[in-house]
PDB file of N, CA and C in Angstrom:
ATOM      1  N   UNK A   1      -1.752 -18.769  -6.408  1.00  0.00           N
ATOM      2  CA  UNK A   1      -0.313 -18.874  -6.420  1.00  0.00           C
ATOM      3  C   UNK A   1       0.140 -20.283  -6.813  1.00  0.00           C
ATOM      4  N   UNK A   2      -0.680 -21.271  -6.490  1.00  0.00           N
ATOM      5  CA  UNK A   2      -0.315 -22.642  -6.843  1.00  0.00           C
ATOM      6  C   UNK A   2      -0.246 -22.848  -8.345  1.00  0.00           C
ATOM      7  N   UNK A   3      -1.006 -22.069  -9.097  1.00  0.00           N
ATOM      8  CA  UNK A   3      -0.963 -22.189 -10.555  1.00  0.00           C
ATOM      9  C   UNK A   3       0.416 -21.825 -11.094  1.00  0.00           C
ATOM     10  N   UNK A   4       1.093 -20.887 -10.436  1.00  0.00           N
ATOM     11  CA  UNK A   4       2.441 -20.526 -10.860  1.00  0.00           C
ATOM     12  C   UNK A   4       3.413 -21.673 -10.622  1.00  0.00           C
ATOM     13  N   UNK A   5       3.211 -22.398  -9.533  1.00  0.00           N
ATOM     14  CA  UNK A   5       4.086 -23.532  -9.239  1.00  0.00           C
ATOM     15  C   UNK A   5       3.891 -24.646 -10.255  1.00  0.00           C
ATOM     16  N   UNK A   6       2.664 -24.819 -10.711  1.00  0.00           N
ATOM     17  CA  UNK A   6       2.376 -25.873 -11.684  1.00  0.00           C
ATOM     18  C   UNK A   6       3.133 -25.638 -12.984  1.00  0.00           C
ATOM     19  N   UNK A   7       3.205 -24.387 -13.418  1.00  0.00           N
ATOM     20  CA  UNK A   7       3.928 -24.091 -14.661  1.00  0.00           C
ATOM     21  C   UNK A   7       5.399 -23.775 -14.401  1.00  0.00           C
ATOM     22  N   UNK A   8       5.828 -23.990 -13.180  1.00  0.00           N
ATOM     23  CA  UNK A   8       7.217 -23.850 -12.746  1.00  0.00           C
ATOM     24  C   UNK A   8       7.772 -22.442 -12.944  1.00  0.00           C
ATOM     25  N   UNK A   9       6.936 -21.433 -12.673  1.00  0.00           N
ATOM     26  CA  UNK A   9       7.414 -20.061 -12.655  1.00  0.00           C
ATOM     27  C   UNK A   9       7.935 -19.773 -11.262  1.00  0.00           C
ATOM     28  N   UNK A  10       9.072 -19.140 -11.178  1.00  0.00           N
ATOM     29  CA  UNK A  10       9.694 -18.871  -9.888  1.00  0.00           C
ATOM     30  C   UNK A  10       9.514 -17.396  -9.533  1.00  0.00           C
ATOM     31  N   UNK A  11       8.664 -17.135  -8.545  1.00  0.00           N
ATOM     32  CA  UNK A  11       8.440 -15.780  -8.086  1.00  0.00           C
ATOM     33  C   UNK A  11       8.987 -15.647  -6.674  1.00  0.00           C
ATOM     34  N   UNK A  12       9.543 -14.481  -6.367  1.00  0.00           N
ATOM     35  CA  UNK A  12       9.986 -14.264  -5.000  1.00  0.00           C
ATOM     36  C   UNK A  12       8.789 -13.837  -4.147  1.00  0.00           C
ATOM     37  N   UNK A  13       8.983 -13.787  -2.857  1.00  0.00           N
ATOM     38  CA  UNK A  13       7.881 -13.504  -1.946  1.00  0.00           C
ATOM     39  C   UNK A  13       7.390 -12.072  -2.060  1.00  0.00           C
ATOM     40  N   UNK A  14       8.223 -11.156  -2.541  1.00  0.00           N
ATOM     41  CA  UNK A  14       7.765  -9.787  -2.751  1.00  0.00           C
ATOM     42  C   UNK A  14       6.675  -9.746  -3.823  1.00  0.00           C
ATOM     43  N   UNK A  15       6.842 -10.531  -4.858  1.00  0.00           N
ATOM     44  CA  UNK A  15       5.831 -10.580  -5.912  1.00  0.00           C
ATOM     45  C   UNK A  15       4.540 -11.236  -5.406  1.00  0.00           C
ATOM     46  N   UNK A  16       4.657 -12.273  -4.588  1.00  0.00           N
ATOM     47  CA  UNK A  16       3.466 -12.881  -3.975  1.00  0.00           C
ATOM     48  C   UNK A  16       2.719 -11.847  -3.130  1.00  0.00           C
ATOM     49  N   UNK A  17       3.480 -11.039  -2.377  1.00  0.00           N
ATOM     50  CA  UNK A  17       2.866 -10.006  -1.545  1.00  0.00           C
ATOM     51  C   UNK A  17       2.139  -8.982  -2.411  1.00  0.00           C
ATOM     52  N   UNK A  18       2.730  -8.604  -3.534  1.00  0.00           N
ATOM     53  CA  UNK A  18       2.074  -7.677  -4.460  1.00  0.00           C
ATOM     54  C   UNK A  18       0.796  -8.278  -5.037  1.00  0.00           C
ATOM     55  N   UNK A  19       0.845  -9.553  -5.416  1.00  0.00           N
ATOM     56  CA  UNK A  19      -0.353 -10.231  -5.915  1.00  0.00           C
ATOM     57  C   UNK A  19      -1.446 -10.246  -4.853  1.00  0.00           C
ATOM     58  N   UNK A  20      -1.070 -10.525  -3.624  1.00  0.00           N
ATOM     59  CA  UNK A  20      -2.049 -10.565  -2.541  1.00  0.00           C
ATOM     60  C   UNK A  20      -2.698  -9.198  -2.351  1.00  0.00           C
ATOM     61  N   UNK A  21      -1.888  -8.144  -2.293  1.00  0.00           N
ATOM     62  CA  UNK A  21      -2.441  -6.804  -2.116  1.00  0.00           C
ATOM     63  C   UNK A  21      -3.312  -6.385  -3.298  1.00  0.00           C
ATOM     64  N   UNK A  22      -2.917  -6.757  -4.496  1.00  0.00           N
ATOM     65  CA  UNK A  22      -3.691  -6.351  -5.674  1.00  0.00           C
ATOM     66  C   UNK A  22      -4.981  -7.155  -5.834  1.00  0.00           C
ATOM     67  N   UNK A  23      -5.110  -8.265  -5.131  1.00  0.00           N
ATOM     68  CA  UNK A  23      -6.323  -9.078  -5.242  1.00  0.00           C
ATOM     69  C   UNK A  23      -7.376  -8.724  -4.197  1.00  0.00           C
ATOM     70  N   UNK A  24      -7.075  -7.766  -3.344  1.00  0.00           N
ATOM     71  CA  UNK A  24      -8.044  -7.364  -2.324  1.00  0.00           C
ATOM     72  C   UNK A  24      -9.211  -6.613  -2.957  1.00  0.00           C
ATOM     73  N   UNK A  25     -10.378  -6.642  -2.304  1.00  0.00           N
ATOM     74  CA  UNK A  25     -11.519  -5.870  -2.808  1.00  0.00           C
ATOM     75  C   UNK A  25     -11.203  -4.374  -2.835  1.00  0.00           C
ATOM     76  N   UNK A  26     -11.946  -3.625  -3.634  1.00  0.00           N
ATOM     77  CA  UNK A  26     -11.709  -2.185  -3.777  1.00  0.00           C
ATOM     78  C   UNK A  26     -11.817  -1.442  -2.449  1.00  0.00           C
ATOM     79  N   UNK A  27     -12.611  -1.948  -1.527  1.00  0.00           N
ATOM     80  CA  UNK A  27     -12.747  -1.290  -0.225  1.00  0.00           C
ATOM     81  C   UNK A  27     -11.449  -1.333   0.568  1.00  0.00           C
ATOM     82  N   UNK A  28     -10.490  -2.130   0.114  1.00  0.00           N
ATOM     83  CA  UNK A  28      -9.202  -2.252   0.786  1.00  0.00           C
ATOM     84  C   UNK A  28      -8.087  -1.485   0.071  1.00  0.00           C
ATOM     85  N   UNK A  29      -8.417  -0.670  -0.937  1.00  0.00           N
ATOM     86  CA  UNK A  29      -7.395   0.045  -1.707  1.00  0.00           C
ATOM     87  C   UNK A  29      -6.520   0.946  -0.842  1.00  0.00           C
ATOM     88  N   UNK A  30      -7.132   1.710   0.059  1.00  0.00           N
ATOM     89  CA  UNK A  30      -6.351   2.603   0.921  1.00  0.00           C
ATOM     90  C   UNK A  30      -5.403   1.804   1.809  1.00  0.00           C
ATOM     91  N   UNK A  31      -5.883   0.687   2.325  1.00  0.00           N
ATOM     92  CA  UNK A  31      -5.030  -0.174   3.144  1.00  0.00           C
ATOM     93  C   UNK A  31      -3.847  -0.694   2.337  1.00  0.00           C
ATOM     94  N   UNK A  32      -4.113  -1.206   1.132  1.00  0.00           N
ATOM     95  CA  UNK A  32      -3.042  -1.753   0.294  1.00  0.00           C
ATOM     96  C   UNK A  32      -2.008  -0.687  -0.033  1.00  0.00           C
ATOM     97  N   UNK A  33      -2.459   0.525  -0.323  1.00  0.00           N
ATOM     98  CA  UNK A  33      -1.540   1.624  -0.628  1.00  0.00           C
ATOM     99  C   UNK A  33      -0.696   1.970   0.589  1.00  0.00           C
ATOM    100  N   UNK A  34      -1.318   2.007   1.759  1.00  0.00           N
ATOM    101  CA  UNK A  34      -0.592   2.314   2.988  1.00  0.00           C
ATOM    102  C   UNK A  34       0.475   1.270   3.275  1.00  0.00           C
ATOM    103  N   UNK A  35       0.126   0.001   3.154  1.00  0.00           N
ATOM    104  CA  UNK A  35       1.094  -1.071   3.412  1.00  0.00           C
ATOM    105  C   UNK A  35       2.247  -0.999   2.422  1.00  0.00           C
ATOM    106  N   UNK A  36       1.943  -0.835   1.149  1.00  0.00           N
ATOM    107  CA  UNK A  36       3.011  -0.828   0.144  1.00  0.00           C
ATOM    108  C   UNK A  36       3.914   0.393   0.277  1.00  0.00           C
ATOM    109  N   UNK A  37       3.397   1.494   0.812  1.00  0.00           N
ATOM    110  CA  UNK A  37       4.221   2.692   0.999  1.00  0.00           C
ATOM    111  C   UNK A  37       4.999   2.699   2.305  1.00  0.00           C
ATOM    112  N   UNK A  38       4.681   1.811   3.226  1.00  0.00           N
ATOM    113  CA  UNK A  38       5.299   1.873   4.551  1.00  0.00           C
ATOM    114  C   UNK A  38       6.270   0.734   4.854  1.00  0.00           C
ATOM    115  N   UNK A  39       6.592  -0.077   3.866  1.00  0.00           N
ATOM    116  CA  UNK A  39       7.492  -1.203   4.120  1.00  0.00           C
ATOM    117  C   UNK A  39       8.943  -0.721   4.182  1.00  0.00           C
ATOM    118  N   UNK A  40       9.762  -1.365   5.014  1.00  0.00           N
ATOM    119  CA  UNK A  40      11.168  -0.976   5.134  1.00  0.00           C
ATOM    120  C   UNK A  40      11.936  -1.210   3.832  1.00  0.00           C
ATOM    121  N   UNK A  41      12.770  -0.279   3.466  1.00  0.00           N
ATOM    122  CA  UNK A  41      13.588  -0.334   2.256  1.00  0.00           C
ATOM    123  C   UNK A  41      12.755  -0.552   0.993  1.00  0.00           C
ATOM    124  N   UNK A  42      11.469  -0.278   1.051  1.00  0.00           N
ATOM    125  CA  UNK A  42      10.609  -0.413  -0.112  1.00  0.00           C
ATOM    126  C   UNK A  42      10.394  -1.832  -0.603  1.00  0.00           C
ATOM    127  N   UNK A  43      10.729  -2.838   0.202  1.00  0.00           N
ATOM    128  CA  UNK A  43      10.562  -4.240  -0.202  1.00  0.00           C
ATOM    129  C   UNK A  43       9.453  -4.880   0.615  1.00  0.00           C
ATOM    130  N   UNK A  44       8.437  -5.342  -0.085  1.00  0.00           N
ATOM    131  CA  UNK A  44       7.336  -6.038   0.580  1.00  0.00           C
ATOM    132  C   UNK A  44       7.780  -7.425   1.015  1.00  0.00           C
ATOM    133  N   UNK A  45       7.273  -7.847   2.132  1.00  0.00           N
ATOM    134  CA  UNK A  45       7.522  -9.201   2.624  1.00  0.00           C
ATOM    135  C   UNK A  45       6.172  -9.811   2.984  1.00  0.00           C
ATOM    136  N   UNK A  46       6.020 -11.098   2.693  1.00  0.00           N
ATOM    137  CA  UNK A  46       4.743 -11.761   2.957  1.00  0.00           C
ATOM    138  C   UNK A  46       4.343 -11.681   4.420  1.00  0.00           C
ATOM    139  N   UNK A  47       5.296 -11.810   5.335  1.00  0.00           N
ATOM    140  CA  UNK A  47       4.924 -11.769   6.749  1.00  0.00           C
ATOM    141  C   UNK A  47       4.403 -10.391   7.145  1.00  0.00           C
ATOM    142  N   UNK A  48       4.969  -9.335   6.589  1.00  0.00           N
ATOM    143  CA  UNK A  48       4.476  -7.986   6.880  1.00  0.00           C
ATOM    144  C   UNK A  48       3.066  -7.813   6.320  1.00  0.00           C
ATOM    145  N   UNK A  49       2.861  -8.244   5.090  1.00  0.00           N
ATOM    146  CA  UNK A  49       1.554  -8.089   4.448  1.00  0.00           C
ATOM    147  C   UNK A  49       0.494  -8.918   5.162  1.00  0.00           C
ATOM    148  N   UNK A  50       0.782 -10.186   5.443  1.00  0.00           N
ATOM    149  CA  UNK A  50      -0.231 -11.025   6.091  1.00  0.00           C
ATOM    150  C   UNK A  50      -0.520 -10.559   7.514  1.00  0.00           C
ATOM    151  N   UNK A  51       0.503 -10.158   8.258  1.00  0.00           N
ATOM    152  CA  UNK A  51       0.265  -9.642   9.610  1.00  0.00           C
ATOM    153  C   UNK A  51      -0.575  -8.372   9.560  1.00  0.00           C
ATOM    154  N   UNK A  52      -0.266  -7.489   8.628  1.00  0.00           N
ATOM    155  CA  UNK A  52      -1.041  -6.258   8.480  1.00  0.00           C
ATOM    156  C   UNK A  52      -2.485  -6.562   8.099  1.00  0.00           C
ATOM    157  N   UNK A  53      -2.678  -7.542   7.218  1.00  0.00           N
ATOM    158  CA  UNK A  53      -4.037  -7.929   6.822  1.00  0.00           C
ATOM    159  C   UNK A  53      -4.835  -8.483   7.994  1.00  0.00           C
ATOM    160  N   UNK A  54      -4.228  -9.362   8.761  1.00  0.00           N
ATOM    161  CA  UNK A  54      -4.929  -9.914   9.925  1.00  0.00           C
ATOM    162  C   UNK A  54      -5.285  -8.805  10.914  1.00  0.00           C
ATOM    163  N   UNK A  55      -4.345  -7.898  11.166  1.00  0.00           N
ATOM    164  CA  UNK A  55      -4.601  -6.799  12.098  1.00  0.00           C
ATOM    165  C   UNK A  55      -5.716  -5.888  11.595  1.00  0.00           C
ATOM    166  N   UNK A  56      -5.683  -5.541  10.313  1.00  0.00           N
ATOM    167  CA  UNK A  56      -6.708  -4.662   9.749  1.00  0.00           C
ATOM    168  C   UNK A  56      -8.069  -5.348   9.720  1.00  0.00           C
ATOM    169  N   UNK A  57      -8.090  -6.616   9.370  1.00  0.00           N
ATOM    170  CA  UNK A  57      -9.355  -7.346   9.351  1.00  0.00           C
ATOM    171  C   UNK A  57      -9.957  -7.402  10.756  1.00  0.00           C
ATOM    172  N   UNK A  58      -9.136  -7.658  11.753  1.00  0.00           N
ATOM    173  CA  UNK A  58      -9.603  -7.681  13.138  1.00  0.00           C
ATOM    174  C   UNK A  58     -10.117  -6.311  13.551  1.00  0.00           C
ATOM    175  N   UNK A  59      -9.377  -5.254  13.185  1.00  0.00           N
ATOM    176  CA  UNK A  59      -9.789  -3.895  13.525  1.00  0.00           C
ATOM    177  C   UNK A  59     -11.137  -3.566  12.893  1.00  0.00           C
ATOM    178  N   UNK A  60     -11.312  -3.935  11.633  1.00  0.00           N
ATOM    179  CA  UNK A  60     -12.574  -3.647  10.945  1.00  0.00           C
ATOM    180  C   UNK A  60     -13.739  -4.422  11.559  1.00  0.00           C
ATOM    181  N   UNK A  61     -13.506  -5.657  11.931  1.00  0.00           N
ATOM    182  CA  UNK A  61     -14.583  -6.457  12.530  1.00  0.00           C
ATOM    183  C   UNK A  61     -14.974  -5.923  13.898  1.00  0.00           C
ATOM    184  N   UNK A  62     -13.995  -5.533  14.709  1.00  0.00           N
ATOM    185  CA  UNK A  62     -14.302  -5.057  16.055  1.00  0.00           C
ATOM    186  C   UNK A  62     -14.839  -3.635  16.060  1.00  0.00           C
ATOM    187  N   UNK A  63     -14.611  -2.876  14.986  1.00  0.00           N
ATOM    188  CA  UNK A  63     -15.116  -1.504  14.937  1.00  0.00           C
ATOM    189  C   UNK A  63     -16.550  -1.438  14.430  1.00  0.00           C
ATOM    190  N   UNK A  64     -17.133  -2.598  14.110  1.00  0.00           N
ATOM    191  CA  UNK A  64     -18.525  -2.638  13.708  1.00  0.00           C
ATOM    192  C   UNK A  64     -18.766  -2.549  12.222  1.00  0.00           C
ATOM    193  N   UNK A  65     -17.714  -2.601  11.427  1.00  0.00           N
ATOM    194  CA  UNK A  65     -17.916  -2.598   9.976  1.00  0.00           C
ATOM    195  C   UNK A  65     -18.568  -3.913   9.585  1.00  0.00           C
ATOM    196  N   UNK A  66     -19.328  -3.913   8.515  1.00  0.00           N
ATOM    197  CA  UNK A  66     -19.992  -5.125   8.049  1.00  0.00           C
ATOM    198  C   UNK A  66     -18.985  -6.177   7.634  1.00  0.00           C
ATOM    199  N   UNK A  67     -19.371  -7.424   7.735  1.00  0.00           N
ATOM    200  CA  UNK A  67     -18.451  -8.505   7.390  1.00  0.00           C
ATOM    201  C   UNK A  67     -18.110  -8.516   5.913  1.00  0.00           C
ATOM    202  N   UNK A  68     -18.970  -7.956   5.052  1.00  0.00           N
ATOM    203  CA  UNK A  68     -18.651  -7.910   3.622  1.00  0.00           C
ATOM    204  C   UNK A  68     -17.405  -7.079   3.367  1.00  0.00           C
ATOM    205  N   UNK A  69     -17.258  -5.983   4.093  1.00  0.00           N
ATOM    206  CA  UNK A  69     -16.100  -5.116   3.915  1.00  0.00           C
ATOM    207  C   UNK A  69     -14.901  -5.579   4.717  1.00  0.00           C
ATOM    208  N   UNK A  70     -15.096  -6.454   5.673  1.00  0.00           N
ATOM    209  CA  UNK A  70     -14.020  -6.821   6.583  1.00  0.00           C
ATOM    210  C   UNK A  70     -13.245  -8.050   6.153  1.00  0.00           C
ATOM    211  N   UNK A  71     -13.695  -8.761   5.152  1.00  0.00           N
ATOM    212  CA  UNK A  71     -13.057 -10.022   4.800  1.00  0.00           C
ATOM    213  C   UNK A  71     -11.940  -9.824   3.786  1.00  0.00           C
ATOM    214  N   UNK A  72     -10.746  -9.584   4.282  1.00  0.00           N
ATOM    215  CA  UNK A  72      -9.601  -9.353   3.405  1.00  0.00           C
ATOM    216  C   UNK A  72      -9.184 -10.617   2.695  1.00  0.00           C
ATOM    217  N   UNK A  73      -9.272 -11.738   3.359  1.00  0.00           N
ATOM    218  CA  UNK A  73      -8.754 -12.966   2.782  1.00  0.00           C
ATOM    219  C   UNK A  73      -9.756 -13.671   1.875  1.00  0.00           C
ATOM    220  N   UNK A  74     -10.898 -13.036   1.654  1.00  0.00           N
ATOM    221  CA  UNK A  74     -11.805 -13.497   0.617  1.00  0.00           C
ATOM    222  C   UNK A  74     -11.591 -12.524  -0.533  1.00  0.00           C
ATOM    223  N   UNK A  75     -10.477 -12.695  -1.205  1.00  0.00           N
ATOM    224  CA  UNK A  75     -10.040 -11.733  -2.213  1.00  0.00           C
ATOM    225  C   UNK A  75     -10.767 -11.932  -3.533  1.00  0.00           C
ATOM    226  N   UNK A  76     -10.924 -10.822  -4.243  1.00  0.00           N
ATOM    227  CA  UNK A  76     -11.520 -10.872  -5.570  1.00  0.00           C
ATOM    228  C   UNK A  76     -10.459 -11.294  -6.572  1.00  0.00           C
ATOM    229  N   UNK A  77     -10.914 -11.791  -7.689  1.00  0.00           N
ATOM    230  CA  UNK A  77      -9.992 -12.126  -8.766  1.00  0.00           C
ATOM    231  C   UNK A  77      -9.386 -10.850  -9.311  1.00  0.00           C
ATOM    232  N   UNK A  78      -8.080 -10.857  -9.535  1.00  0.00           N
ATOM    233  CA  UNK A  78      -7.442  -9.663 -10.062  1.00  0.00           C
ATOM    234  C   UNK A  78      -7.879  -9.390 -11.490  1.00  0.00           C
ATOM    235  N   UNK A  79      -8.514 -10.352 -12.136  1.00  0.00           N
ATOM    236  CA  UNK A  79      -8.983 -10.170 -13.505  1.00  0.00           C
ATOM    237  C   UNK A  79     -10.384  -9.578 -13.540  1.00  0.00           C
ATOM    238  N   UNK A  80     -11.070  -9.501 -12.407  1.00  0.00           N
ATOM    239  CA  UNK A  80     -12.446  -9.015 -12.412  1.00  0.00           C
ATOM    240  C   UNK A  80     -12.527  -7.558 -12.847  1.00  0.00           C
ATOM    241  N   UNK A  81     -11.475  -6.781 -12.651  1.00  0.00           N
ATOM    242  CA  UNK A  81     -11.496  -5.379 -13.042  1.00  0.00           C
ATOM    243  C   UNK A  81     -11.407  -5.212 -14.550  1.00  0.00           C
ATOM    244  N   UNK A  82     -10.976  -6.240 -15.271  1.00  0.00           N
ATOM    245  CA  UNK A  82     -10.822  -6.140 -16.713  1.00  0.00           C
ATOM    246  C   UNK A  82     -12.059  -6.591 -17.481  1.00  0.00           C
ATOM    247  N   UNK A  83     -13.043  -7.119 -16.778  1.00  0.00           N
ATOM    248  CA  UNK A  83     -14.234  -7.628 -17.444  1.00  0.00           C
ATOM    249  C   UNK A  83     -15.238  -6.533 -17.781  1.00  0.00           C
ATOM    250  N   UNK A  84     -15.019  -5.347 -17.238  1.00  0.00           N
ATOM    251  CA  UNK A  84     -15.910  -4.243 -17.564  1.00  0.00           C
ATOM    252  C   UNK A  84     -17.054  -4.217 -16.682  1.00  0.00           C
TER     253      UNK A  84
END
């Protein structure tokens, strides 16, 4: 996100939230879809997304899922899907 600030692009927090959700690993696709479909008035907010991520990450860690699948904030590059 800091790269956008360097080139002085102005994005609102809803777009940051979308970028965050889209950068999650594929194992988090169902979670990202659920969050984006359940926001009030259809507008994503960073606090809703980050709180949901922390809660889901905690739930996955305590339920015994492996740490590879549980690390939401170690996001993949959104460009990795285009490399083939």
